[in-house]
Amino acid sequence: MVLASLEANSVAWTDEQELRDVDKFGCGYLFTVNPITPNADPRRVIKLCRMLEIE
């Protein structure tokens, strides 16, 4: 099940700083993946994928 989610298409991306903002302030930015912002540092990009619902 985990392996399938690793192969899923990304729906957005963020970075560590935005995740810290979510932890600290309760909100942070998500960015589009089509295309990923040209000036984004690829070493900092954390791709986000939709998780399958399990019933």
Protein backbone atom coordinates (compact mmCIF):
# COMPACT_ATOMS: atom_id res chain seq x y z
CA MET A 1 0.00 0.00 0.00
CA VAL A 2 2.80 2.45 0.86
CA LEU A 3 4.67 1.67 -2.36
CA ALA A 4 1.59 2.54 -4.42
CA SER A 5 1.36 5.95 -2.74
CA LEU A 6 5.02 6.68 -3.57
CA GLU A 7 4.21 6.25 -7.25
CA ALA A 8 1.19 8.57 -7.13
CA ASN A 9 1.19 11.84 -9.04
CA SER A 10 2.00 14.92 -7.00
CA VAL A 11 -0.86 17.37 -6.49
CA ALA A 12 1.15 20.21 -4.87
CA TRP A 13 4.45 20.93 -3.19
CA THR A 14 5.76 22.82 -0.18
CA ASP A 15 9.03 23.14 1.72
CA GLU A 16 10.30 22.74 5.26
CA GLN A 17 9.82 26.44 6.09
CA GLU A 18 6.14 26.31 5.15
CA LEU A 19 5.68 23.18 7.27
CA ARG A 20 7.28 24.98 10.23
CA ASP A 21 4.84 27.86 9.67
CA VAL A 22 1.93 25.39 9.77
CA ASP A 23 3.24 24.00 13.06
CA LYS A 24 3.79 27.48 14.55
CA PHE A 25 0.97 29.58 13.07
CA GLY A 26 -1.55 27.02 11.78
CA CYS A 27 -1.13 27.93 8.10
CA GLY A 28 1.45 27.74 5.32
CA TYR A 29 1.69 27.88 1.54
CA LEU A 30 1.16 25.05 -0.94
CA PHE A 31 2.42 25.52 -4.48
CA THR A 32 1.30 24.14 -7.83
CA VAL A 33 3.17 21.28 -9.51
CA ASN A 34 2.10 22.04 -13.07
CA PRO A 35 4.70 23.43 -13.41
CA ILE A 36 6.79 23.64 -10.25
CA THR A 37 7.84 27.27 -9.82
CA PRO A 38 10.97 27.82 -11.95
CA ASN A 39 12.88 29.57 -9.14
CA ALA A 40 12.11 26.84 -6.56
CA ASP A 41 15.19 25.11 -5.14
CA PRO A 42 14.70 21.44 -6.12
CA ARG A 43 16.59 20.36 -2.98
CA ARG A 44 13.89 21.94 -0.81
CA VAL A 45 10.78 20.79 -2.71
CA ILE A 46 8.58 18.38 -0.75
CA LYS A 47 6.04 16.89 -3.16
CA LEU A 48 2.57 16.22 -1.77
CA CYS A 49 0.38 13.38 -3.04
CA ARG A 50 -3.26 12.53 -2.51
CA MET A 51 -3.67 9.54 -0.19
CA LEU A 52 -6.11 6.79 -1.08
CA GLU A 53 -9.01 6.41 1.30
CA ILE A 54 -9.14 3.05 3.04
CA GLU A 55 -12.54 1.89 4.23
